[in-house]
Amino acid sequence: MKEQKAPVIFAENESQGIGGNGQLSLEEADLLVSDRLRELAGCDNRYEWFTLSGSKSIRAGCWVGVIQLGRTTVEVLPKIEDGTAGSRVDLNVMLAVALGVKGLSRLSSKSSAGKFIEFFAYDYARRVSLLIQRGMPRRYVEQRGLLQTMKGRMDLSRQIQADAAALPFIACAYDAFITDNPISQFLKAGLVAATKLPVSPRTRRMLTSTLAELDDVSDRIVARDELTQYTLGRNERDLLPLCNLASLLLRRKSFDTHMANDQGKKLPGFSLMFNMWEIFEAYAVNELNRVLKDTPWVAYGHGTRLDGKAWYLGAGKLVQLKPDIVIRRRNGDKAIVCVADTKWKKDAGYVTKITKKNTLRTSVTGVQPADAYQALAYTATLSAEEGLGFNEPLPVAIIYPKVGQRASSAGLKADKKIDEPLSFLRKKDEPPLRLNAYKKVQDDLNGTLSFLYLNCPQASDESVI
């Protein structure tokens, strides 16, 4: 029996050769770029996935995580596009912040327990075990059955069947306050998914023992996005991070690799992949709200509108807009004060030079026109929705990641004395750009476009997956 091959490690948007020692075979590369695997992982855009360059190399996209292809493990690590060697970030920390999970117990990085899957599987089992000790969530769930005494209301259709069979029971339908409810079943499904992952014996024992304590909770197949259909009650809101962890583990999808071992048995495979742009967006929202906790402002995530409606660019509702981040006032009318767009890419650069008149002039390089157009569309549409005049549009910002050994947002503080909520993300000597569109018509246009930078944790190990 052949041993498991060493993992093939990609960075985002990195290419590797096909064939040779330690690299992917052509059969494995074809499976990686297949639409079947891409759609199974949840990726709708083929240009964000693996792509082939002829028959000699394969390039990773912006989806990170791990894929098992029989004996071969493929890992894709997050890294800023076109960044430097030190631009790879810690996926564990960014996922934990994006999911809103606090106090993750980092395991030893000297063994497989320090890897990505191990990291979250063990911590999820630990948290569910603690929840079981406190008591699983209870909900009213409709129950139906044949009882000796009346309970709730009569189930007429079943009662007719019982009478026809001369059964001495009453068909009842009633609500019971029980732990076997959709939320508990969702959490149990997360444990079941974790047991199918390649984890260490220690973590597997933890998962199995925790799962055994949930025998009274029914097993059922759940979708990874089922959490969006639930409305957590007042006493269940603290379960949201745990449900988010379950959603993460439920992203694991099994598939048939069509590859065989020496005995001709087909080798299984699985994928657990994430869109790094979506992770950075969720990371940014949670980090901003942490810093803005004691301020008059609060950050809302992707396309969030208080009345549940959507924003559209222009009349006719042809182009829907979903700004990544909307900053609102925490109290009162909850008016919008700022809009931002996140970009998981190399940041824009400022260039300062002295002109012939000995004055400093600052310009911006590296900003793609499409990014600027998108930001301006956000501020124009939302400003009109808020009833603001043309000369007072909402300030808009593009937030880029900043990666480095000292790139920690723990010490960031918002200044409550100024009216700019995101000023703490601004670099020194980099003022916001004044929007001078239609300057000949409107000289007092006060809109601004800012380029801001959010700190991301740098990865320290060779592999965090």
Protein backbone atom coordinates (compact mmCIF):
# COMPACT_ATOMS: atom_id res chain seq x y z
CA MET A 1 0.00 0.00 0.00
CA LYS A 2 1.42 3.35 -1.03
CA GLU A 3 1.88 6.11 1.53
CA GLN A 4 0.14 9.47 1.35
CA LYS A 5 2.06 11.88 -0.87
CA ALA A 6 3.45 15.14 0.43
CA PRO A 7 0.91 17.96 0.03
CA VAL A 8 1.07 20.15 -3.06
CA ILE A 9 0.98 23.71 -1.75
CA PHE A 10 -0.15 26.69 -3.82
CA ALA A 11 -0.38 30.33 -2.90
CA GLU A 12 -3.24 32.35 -4.31
CA ASN A 13 -2.86 33.03 -8.04
CA GLU A 14 0.34 30.96 -8.12
CA SER A 15 1.27 28.55 -10.90
CA GLN A 16 2.96 25.16 -10.57
CA GLY A 17 4.21 22.67 -13.10
CA ILE A 18 2.41 19.44 -13.90
CA GLY A 19 4.34 16.17 -13.58
CA GLY A 20 7.65 15.50 -11.88
CA ASN A 21 8.44 14.61 -8.29
CA GLY A 22 6.05 16.05 -5.73
CA GLN A 23 3.89 17.78 -8.36
CA LEU A 24 0.47 17.07 -9.75
CA SER A 25 -0.11 14.54 -12.46
CA LEU A 26 -2.04 15.49 -15.58
CA GLU A 27 -5.00 13.39 -14.36
CA GLU A 28 -5.05 15.23 -11.02
CA ALA A 29 -4.74 18.61 -12.74
CA ASP A 30 -7.67 17.80 -15.03
CA LEU A 31 -9.77 16.91 -12.00
CA LEU A 32 -8.84 20.16 -10.23
CA VAL A 33 -9.96 22.36 -13.11
CA SER A 34 -13.14 20.37 -13.80
CA ASP A 35 -16.48 22.15 -13.55
CA ARG A 36 -17.78 19.28 -11.41
CA LEU A 37 -15.28 19.94 -8.63
CA ARG A 38 -15.59 23.72 -8.94
CA GLU A 39 -19.37 23.66 -8.62
CA LEU A 40 -19.17 21.12 -5.79
CA ALA A 41 -16.93 23.52 -3.85
CA GLY A 42 -19.45 26.34 -4.38
CA CYS A 43 -17.51 28.42 -6.92
CA ASP A 44 -19.71 29.94 -9.63
CA ASN A 45 -16.96 31.79 -11.51
CA ARG A 46 -14.51 29.55 -13.38
CA TYR A 47 -11.96 32.37 -13.54
CA GLU A 48 -11.69 32.33 -9.73
CA TRP A 49 -10.85 28.60 -9.74
CA PHE A 50 -7.89 26.52 -10.96
CA THR A 51 -6.99 27.05 -14.61
CA LEU A 52 -4.66 25.15 -16.92
CA SER A 53 -1.89 26.76 -18.94
CA GLY A 54 -1.48 24.20 -21.70
CA SER A 55 -0.36 20.83 -20.40
CA LYS A 56 2.65 22.02 -18.41
CA SER A 57 1.32 24.20 -15.58
CA ILE A 58 -1.78 24.88 -13.48
CA ARG A 59 -2.67 28.14 -11.75
CA ALA A 60 -4.66 28.54 -8.53
CA GLY A 61 -7.35 31.20 -8.20
CA CYS A 62 -8.64 33.21 -5.25
CA TRP A 63 -10.27 30.23 -3.51
CA VAL A 64 -8.25 28.92 -0.56
CA GLY A 65 -8.50 25.75 1.50
CA VAL A 66 -7.78 22.08 0.97
CA ILE A 67 -8.72 19.46 -1.63
CA GLN A 68 -8.03 15.74 -1.24
CA LEU A 69 -7.46 13.85 -4.49
CA GLY A 70 -6.98 10.24 -3.42
CA ARG A 71 -3.45 10.13 -1.99
CA THR A 72 -2.67 13.71 -3.00
CA THR A 73 -3.58 16.70 -0.86
CA VAL A 74 -3.74 20.11 -2.53
CA GLU A 75 -3.55 23.17 -0.29
CA VAL A 76 -4.13 26.76 -1.40
CA LEU A 77 -2.85 29.40 1.00
CA PRO A 78 -4.10 32.99 1.06
CA LYS A 79 -1.69 35.57 -0.27
CA ILE A 80 -2.14 39.08 -1.61
CA GLU A 81 -2.09 39.06 -5.39
CA ASP A 82 1.28 40.20 -6.73
CA GLY A 83 2.44 40.63 -3.15
CA THR A 84 5.85 40.03 -1.65
CA ALA A 85 7.13 36.87 0.02
CA GLY A 86 5.80 38.12 3.35
CA SER A 87 2.29 38.79 2.11
CA ARG A 88 0.76 35.40 3.08
CA VAL A 89 -1.83 35.71 5.83
CA ASP A 90 -2.97 33.40 8.63
CA LEU A 91 -6.13 31.73 7.34
CA ASN A 92 -7.01 30.40 10.80
CA VAL A 93 -7.17 33.84 12.38
CA MET A 94 -8.95 35.50 9.46
CA LEU A 95 -11.62 32.78 9.32
CA ALA A 96 -12.14 32.97 13.09
CA VAL A 97 -12.67 36.74 12.94
CA ALA A 98 -14.86 36.47 9.82
CA LEU A 99 -17.08 33.89 11.60
CA GLY A 100 -17.25 36.00 14.74
CA VAL A 101 -15.65 33.25 16.82
CA LYS A 102 -13.71 34.46 19.86
CA GLY A 103 -11.25 32.56 22.00
CA LEU A 104 -10.24 29.87 19.51
CA SER A 105 -7.80 27.50 21.22
CA ARG A 106 -4.76 27.37 18.95
CA LEU A 107 -3.31 23.87 19.04
CA SER A 108 0.33 22.92 18.78
CA SER A 109 1.81 23.80 15.38
CA LYS A 110 4.44 21.06 15.75
CA SER A 111 1.98 18.35 14.77
CA SER A 112 -0.95 17.89 12.45
CA ALA A 113 -3.14 19.33 15.21
CA GLY A 114 -1.89 22.77 14.23
CA LYS A 115 -3.29 22.49 10.72
CA PHE A 116 -6.33 24.26 9.37
CA ILE A 117 -8.84 21.39 9.50
CA GLU A 118 -7.61 20.19 12.87
CA PHE A 119 -7.77 23.70 14.25
CA PHE A 120 -11.48 24.20 13.63
CA ALA A 121 -12.68 20.59 14.02
CA TYR A 122 -11.25 20.25 17.53
CA ASP A 123 -12.45 23.66 18.65
CA TYR A 124 -15.93 23.02 17.30
CA ALA A 125 -16.20 19.72 19.19
CA ARG A 126 -14.98 21.46 22.36
CA ARG A 127 -17.56 24.24 22.05
CA VAL A 128 -20.45 21.84 21.37
CA SER A 129 -19.39 19.77 24.38
CA LEU A 130 -19.52 22.89 26.57
CA LEU A 131 -22.95 23.73 25.15
CA ILE A 132 -24.21 20.25 26.02
CA GLN A 133 -23.07 20.76 29.60
CA ARG A 134 -24.97 24.05 29.80
CA GLY A 135 -27.96 22.62 27.95
CA MET A 136 -28.75 22.35 24.26
CA PRO A 137 -31.12 24.98 22.84
CA ARG A 138 -34.81 24.15 23.18
CA ARG A 139 -37.56 25.14 20.77
CA TYR A 140 -41.23 24.42 20.32
CA VAL A 141 -41.54 21.76 17.64
CA GLU A 142 -44.81 20.27 16.38
CA GLN A 143 -45.26 16.61 17.33
CA ARG A 144 -47.83 14.14 16.03
CA GLY A 145 -48.69 10.76 17.51
CA LEU A 146 -51.29 8.33 18.85
CA LEU A 147 -51.82 8.94 22.57
CA GLN A 148 -54.09 7.47 25.22
CA THR A 149 -55.20 10.92 26.40
CA MET A 150 -55.96 14.09 24.51
CA LYS A 151 -53.01 16.50 24.13
CA GLY A 152 -52.94 19.65 22.04
CA ARG A 153 -55.39 19.31 19.17
CA MET A 154 -56.82 16.34 17.30
CA ASP A 155 -55.18 15.22 14.07
CA LEU A 156 -58.37 14.46 12.13
CA SER A 157 -56.82 12.66 9.16
CA ARG A 158 -54.86 10.26 11.38
CA GLN A 159 -57.83 9.88 13.75
CA ILE A 160 -59.98 8.62 10.90
CA GLN A 161 -57.30 6.06 10.06
CA ALA A 162 -57.04 5.03 13.73
CA ASP A 163 -60.82 4.60 14.01
CA ALA A 164 -60.91 2.52 10.83
CA ALA A 165 -58.27 0.23 12.33
CA ALA A 166 -60.14 0.15 15.67
CA LEU A 167 -57.09 1.49 17.53
CA PRO A 168 -57.85 2.62 21.11
CA PHE A 169 -55.78 5.84 20.75
CA ILE A 170 -56.32 9.51 20.04
CA ALA A 171 -54.40 11.07 17.15
CA CYS A 172 -52.94 14.30 18.54
CA ALA A 173 -50.90 17.20 17.20
CA TYR A 174 -49.15 19.34 19.82
CA ASP A 175 -46.11 21.55 20.35
CA ALA A 176 -43.29 20.25 22.55
CA PHE A 177 -40.43 22.31 23.99
CA ILE A 178 -37.55 19.96 23.12
CA THR A 179 -33.87 19.88 22.20
CA ASP A 180 -34.53 17.90 19.00
CA ASN A 181 -35.09 21.01 16.90
CA PRO A 182 -33.62 22.42 13.67
CA ILE A 183 -30.83 24.36 15.45
CA SER A 184 -29.64 21.33 17.42
CA GLN A 185 -29.86 19.17 14.30
CA PHE A 186 -27.78 21.75 12.41
CA LEU A 187 -25.08 21.68 15.10
CA LYS A 188 -25.08 17.87 15.10
CA ALA A 189 -24.71 17.84 11.31
CA GLY A 190 -21.57 19.95 11.77
CA LEU A 191 -20.13 17.29 14.06
CA VAL A 192 -20.97 14.54 11.58
CA ALA A 193 -19.24 16.48 8.80
CA ALA A 194 -16.16 16.97 11.00
CA THR A 195 -15.86 13.22 11.65
CA LYS A 196 -15.41 12.68 7.90
CA LEU A 197 -12.37 14.96 7.77
CA PRO A 198 -8.77 13.69 8.02
CA VAL A 199 -8.12 14.60 11.66
CA SER A 200 -5.81 13.26 14.35
CA PRO A 201 -6.89 10.44 16.72
CA ARG A 202 -7.19 12.96 19.55
CA THR A 203 -9.64 15.15 17.62
CA ARG A 204 -11.56 12.12 16.33
CA ARG A 205 -12.06 10.88 19.90
CA MET A 206 -13.31 14.34 20.88
CA LEU A 207 -15.74 14.42 17.96
CA THR A 208 -17.02 10.88 18.57
CA SER A 209 -17.59 11.36 22.30
CA THR A 210 -19.40 14.67 21.72
CA LEU A 211 -21.54 13.12 19.00
CA ALA A 212 -22.54 10.28 21.34
CA GLU A 213 -24.00 12.83 23.76
CA LEU A 214 -26.45 13.97 21.07
CA ASP A 215 -28.27 10.66 20.59
CA ASP A 216 -31.58 12.33 21.40
CA VAL A 217 -31.11 14.76 18.47
CA SER A 218 -32.26 13.47 15.08
CA ASP A 219 -29.88 13.02 12.16
CA ARG A 220 -30.80 14.75 8.94
CA ILE A 221 -29.14 16.16 5.86
CA VAL A 222 -28.67 19.93 6.08
CA ALA A 223 -27.41 22.46 3.56
CA ARG A 224 -24.38 24.59 4.42
CA ASP A 225 -26.41 27.78 3.81
CA GLU A 226 -29.40 26.59 5.86
CA LEU A 227 -28.36 28.91 8.69
CA THR A 228 -29.59 31.90 6.68
CA GLN A 229 -33.13 30.51 6.93
CA TYR A 230 -33.13 30.57 10.74
CA THR A 231 -34.04 33.45 13.01
CA LEU A 232 -32.22 33.04 16.29
CA GLY A 233 -34.23 33.96 19.36
CA ARG A 234 -33.15 36.32 22.09
CA ASN A 235 -31.70 33.46 24.12
CA GLU A 236 -30.02 31.90 21.08
CA ARG A 237 -27.99 34.81 19.71
CA ASP A 238 -24.83 33.65 21.46
CA LEU A 239 -25.06 30.48 19.33
CA LEU A 240 -24.37 32.37 16.09
CA PRO A 241 -20.55 31.89 16.17
CA LEU A 242 -21.04 28.18 16.86
CA CYS A 243 -23.53 27.90 14.00
CA ASN A 244 -21.03 29.72 11.77
CA LEU A 245 -18.41 27.10 12.66
CA ALA A 246 -20.90 24.37 11.75
CA SER A 247 -21.49 26.10 8.40
CA LEU A 248 -17.74 26.09 7.80
CA LEU A 249 -17.46 22.35 8.43
CA LEU A 250 -20.55 21.67 6.30
CA ARG A 251 -18.74 23.16 3.31
CA ARG A 252 -16.86 19.87 3.12
CA LYS A 253 -18.01 17.98 0.05
CA SER A 254 -17.09 14.41 -0.91
CA PHE A 255 -16.63 13.26 -4.49
CA ASP A 256 -15.39 10.29 -6.50
CA THR A 257 -11.92 10.91 -7.93
CA HIS A 258 -12.19 8.03 -10.44
CA MET A 259 -8.63 7.17 -9.38
CA ALA A 260 -7.82 3.63 -8.22
CA ASN A 261 -5.26 2.17 -5.84
CA ASP A 262 -3.16 -0.95 -6.43
CA GLN A 263 -6.14 -3.18 -5.66
CA GLY A 264 -8.37 -1.34 -8.16
CA LYS A 265 -10.48 0.30 -5.46
CA LYS A 266 -11.57 3.86 -6.22
CA LEU A 267 -9.98 6.50 -4.00
CA PRO A 268 -12.32 9.07 -2.42
CA GLY A 269 -11.76 12.80 -2.31
CA PHE A 270 -13.16 15.88 -0.60
CA SER A 271 -12.94 19.66 -0.85
CA LEU A 272 -13.14 22.41 1.76
CA MET A 273 -12.62 25.70 -0.06
CA PHE A 274 -13.41 29.38 0.59
CA ASN A 275 -13.51 32.54 -1.50
CA MET A 276 -10.79 34.77 -0.03
CA TRP A 277 -12.56 37.96 -1.17
CA GLU A 278 -15.64 36.98 0.85
CA ILE A 279 -13.50 36.08 3.86
CA PHE A 280 -11.76 39.47 3.78
CA GLU A 281 -15.11 41.26 3.50
CA ALA A 282 -16.54 39.46 6.56
CA TYR A 283 -13.21 39.93 8.39
CA ALA A 284 -13.35 43.67 7.67
CA VAL A 285 -16.93 44.06 8.95
CA ASN A 286 -16.20 42.29 12.24
CA GLU A 287 -12.88 44.10 12.78
CA LEU A 288 -14.50 47.48 12.10
CA ASN A 289 -17.32 46.76 14.55
CA ARG A 290 -14.78 45.73 17.17
CA VAL A 291 -12.98 49.06 16.85
CA LEU A 292 -16.22 51.06 16.52
CA LYS A 293 -17.80 49.39 19.57
CA ASP A 294 -17.83 52.51 21.79
CA THR A 295 -18.47 55.01 19.00
CA PRO A 296 -21.67 56.42 17.46
CA TRP A 297 -21.19 54.23 14.37
CA VAL A 298 -21.75 50.60 13.38
CA ALA A 299 -20.71 48.66 10.26
CA TYR A 300 -23.16 46.55 8.27
CA GLY A 301 -22.12 43.79 5.89
CA HIS A 302 -22.72 42.92 2.27
CA GLY A 303 -25.71 44.70 0.75
CA THR A 304 -27.43 45.22 4.12
CA ARG A 305 -30.38 47.60 3.95
CA LEU A 306 -32.57 48.18 6.98
CA ASP A 307 -35.88 47.96 5.14
CA GLY A 308 -34.90 44.71 3.40
CA LYS A 309 -35.01 46.25 -0.09
CA ALA A 310 -32.14 46.46 -2.57
CA TRP A 311 -30.22 49.40 -4.02
CA TYR A 312 -30.30 49.87 -7.78
CA LEU A 313 -28.19 51.99 -10.08
CA GLY A 314 -30.53 54.23 -12.02
CA ALA A 315 -34.19 53.79 -12.90
CA GLY A 316 -35.65 50.50 -14.01
CA LYS A 317 -33.92 48.38 -11.37
CA LEU A 318 -31.62 46.83 -13.96
CA VAL A 319 -28.33 46.91 -12.03
CA GLN A 320 -28.44 45.94 -8.36
CA LEU A 321 -25.75 47.36 -6.10
CA LYS A 322 -24.44 45.53 -3.04
CA PRO A 323 -21.84 47.69 -1.28
CA ASP A 324 -19.53 45.57 0.88
CA ILE A 325 -19.69 47.82 3.95
CA VAL A 326 -22.15 50.52 4.98
CA ILE A 327 -21.39 52.62 8.07
CA ARG A 328 -24.49 53.90 9.88
CA ARG A 329 -25.23 55.88 12.99
CA ARG A 330 -25.73 53.49 15.88
CA ASN A 331 -28.73 55.29 17.37
CA GLY A 332 -31.47 57.61 16.20
CA ASP A 333 -32.31 57.55 12.51
CA LYS A 334 -29.44 55.11 11.74
CA ALA A 335 -28.49 57.29 8.79
CA ILE A 336 -25.68 56.22 6.46
CA VAL A 337 -22.48 58.20 7.07
CA CYS A 338 -20.00 56.31 4.89
CA VAL A 339 -19.82 53.50 2.32
CA ALA A 340 -16.82 51.24 1.63
CA ASP A 341 -15.72 48.55 -0.79
CA THR A 342 -13.20 45.84 0.13
CA LYS A 343 -10.55 44.64 -2.31
CA TRP A 344 -8.46 41.55 -1.60
CA LYS A 345 -5.54 42.66 -3.74
CA LYS A 346 -2.35 44.67 -3.61
CA ASP A 347 -3.08 48.15 -2.33
CA ALA A 348 -3.00 51.37 -4.31
CA GLY A 349 0.13 53.47 -4.06
CA TYR A 350 0.54 57.15 -3.31
CA VAL A 351 3.26 59.11 -5.10
CA THR A 352 4.34 62.48 -3.73
CA LYS A 353 6.61 64.74 -5.76
CA ILE A 354 7.72 68.38 -5.82
CA THR A 355 6.48 70.40 -8.77
CA LYS A 356 8.32 73.24 -10.53
CA LYS A 357 6.59 75.67 -8.17
CA ASN A 358 8.10 73.82 -5.15
CA THR A 359 4.71 72.52 -4.04
CA LEU A 360 3.98 68.98 -2.99
CA ARG A 361 1.65 67.06 -5.27
CA THR A 362 0.20 63.66 -4.37
CA SER A 363 -1.18 61.24 -6.93
CA VAL A 364 -2.47 57.67 -6.75
CA THR A 365 -1.12 54.76 -8.76
CA GLY A 366 -2.27 51.17 -9.08
CA VAL A 367 -5.99 51.87 -8.78
CA GLN A 368 -7.95 50.05 -11.44
CA PRO A 369 -10.56 52.26 -13.14
CA ALA A 370 -13.26 49.64 -12.56
CA ASP A 371 -12.67 49.83 -8.79
CA ALA A 372 -12.99 53.61 -8.83
CA TYR A 373 -16.15 53.45 -10.98
CA GLN A 374 -17.69 50.93 -8.58
CA ALA A 375 -16.96 53.11 -5.54
CA LEU A 376 -18.38 56.20 -7.25
CA ALA A 377 -21.54 54.29 -8.23
CA TYR A 378 -22.02 53.34 -4.57
CA THR A 379 -21.74 56.89 -3.26
CA ALA A 380 -23.92 58.34 -6.04
CA THR A 381 -26.73 55.82 -5.52
CA LEU A 382 -26.72 55.76 -1.72
CA SER A 383 -26.42 59.56 -1.50
CA ALA A 384 -29.52 59.91 -3.66
CA GLU A 385 -31.34 57.36 -1.50
CA GLU A 386 -30.39 59.32 1.62
CA GLY A 387 -31.66 62.55 0.09
CA LEU A 388 -28.27 64.26 0.06
CA GLY A 389 -27.54 67.07 -2.35
CA PHE A 390 -25.08 66.78 -5.23
CA ASN A 391 -22.55 68.88 -3.37
CA GLU A 392 -22.68 66.67 -0.27
CA PRO A 393 -22.34 63.03 -1.39
CA LEU A 394 -21.46 60.31 1.08
CA PRO A 395 -17.72 59.74 1.55
CA VAL A 396 -16.63 56.48 -0.05
CA ALA A 397 -13.56 54.33 0.62
CA ILE A 398 -11.76 51.35 -0.86
CA ILE A 399 -10.26 49.13 1.85
CA TYR A 400 -7.15 47.09 0.99
CA PRO A 401 -5.42 44.47 3.17
CA LYS A 402 -2.15 45.26 4.85
CA VAL A 403 -0.06 42.21 5.69
CA GLY A 404 3.07 42.14 7.81
CA GLN A 405 4.60 40.93 11.05
CA ARG A 406 3.31 44.04 12.81
CA ALA A 407 0.03 44.15 10.93
CA SER A 408 -2.23 43.77 13.93
CA SER A 409 -5.48 45.66 14.38
CA ALA A 410 -5.61 45.01 18.12
CA GLY A 411 -4.34 48.50 18.95
CA LEU A 412 -6.56 50.44 16.55
CA LYS A 413 -8.85 53.04 18.06
CA ALA A 414 -11.54 55.14 16.44
CA ASP A 415 -11.62 58.88 17.07
CA LYS A 416 -15.10 59.78 18.31
CA LYS A 417 -14.34 63.52 18.12
CA ILE A 418 -14.30 63.63 14.31
CA ASP A 419 -17.02 62.86 11.77
CA GLU A 420 -14.96 60.34 9.79
CA PRO A 421 -15.64 56.82 11.17
CA LEU A 422 -12.81 55.08 9.26
CA SER A 423 -10.03 57.59 9.86
CA PHE A 424 -8.11 55.04 11.95
CA LEU A 425 -7.45 53.01 8.78
CA ARG A 426 -5.80 55.90 6.97
CA LYS A 427 -2.05 56.09 6.48
CA LYS A 428 -0.27 59.26 7.51
CA ASP A 429 0.14 61.94 4.85
CA GLU A 430 -2.48 60.28 2.63
CA PRO A 431 -5.54 62.54 2.66
CA PRO A 432 -8.76 61.50 0.93
CA LEU A 433 -9.08 62.42 -2.72
CA ARG A 434 -11.59 65.13 -3.44
CA LEU A 435 -14.14 64.18 -6.06
CA ASN A 436 -13.85 66.89 -8.69
CA ALA A 437 -16.35 65.60 -11.21
CA TYR A 438 -18.34 68.43 -12.80
CA LYS A 439 -16.02 70.89 -11.10
CA LYS A 440 -16.77 73.50 -13.76
CA VAL A 441 -20.44 73.36 -12.81
CA GLN A 442 -20.20 72.71 -9.08
CA ASP A 443 -17.17 74.22 -7.36
CA ASP A 444 -18.16 73.25 -3.82
CA LEU A 445 -18.37 69.48 -4.34
CA ASN A 446 -17.44 67.95 -0.98
CA GLY A 447 -17.33 64.23 -1.83
CA THR A 448 -14.18 62.23 -1.10
CA LEU A 449 -12.67 58.91 -2.14
CA SER A 450 -10.27 57.35 0.37
CA PHE A 451 -7.84 54.45 0.08
CA LEU A 452 -7.66 52.71 3.45
CA TYR A 453 -5.69 49.76 4.81
CA LEU A 454 -6.88 47.05 7.21
CA ASN A 455 -4.29 45.00 9.04
CA CYS A 456 -4.30 41.23 8.44
CA PRO A 457 -2.32 38.65 10.46
CA GLN A 458 0.75 37.27 8.74
CA ALA A 459 1.16 33.50 8.55
CA SER A 460 4.13 32.12 10.47
CA ASP A 461 4.09 28.42 9.56
CA GLU A 462 4.86 26.86 6.20
CA SER A 463 1.32 25.56 5.98
CA VAL A 464 -1.73 26.65 7.95
CA ILE A 465 -4.00 24.10 6.35
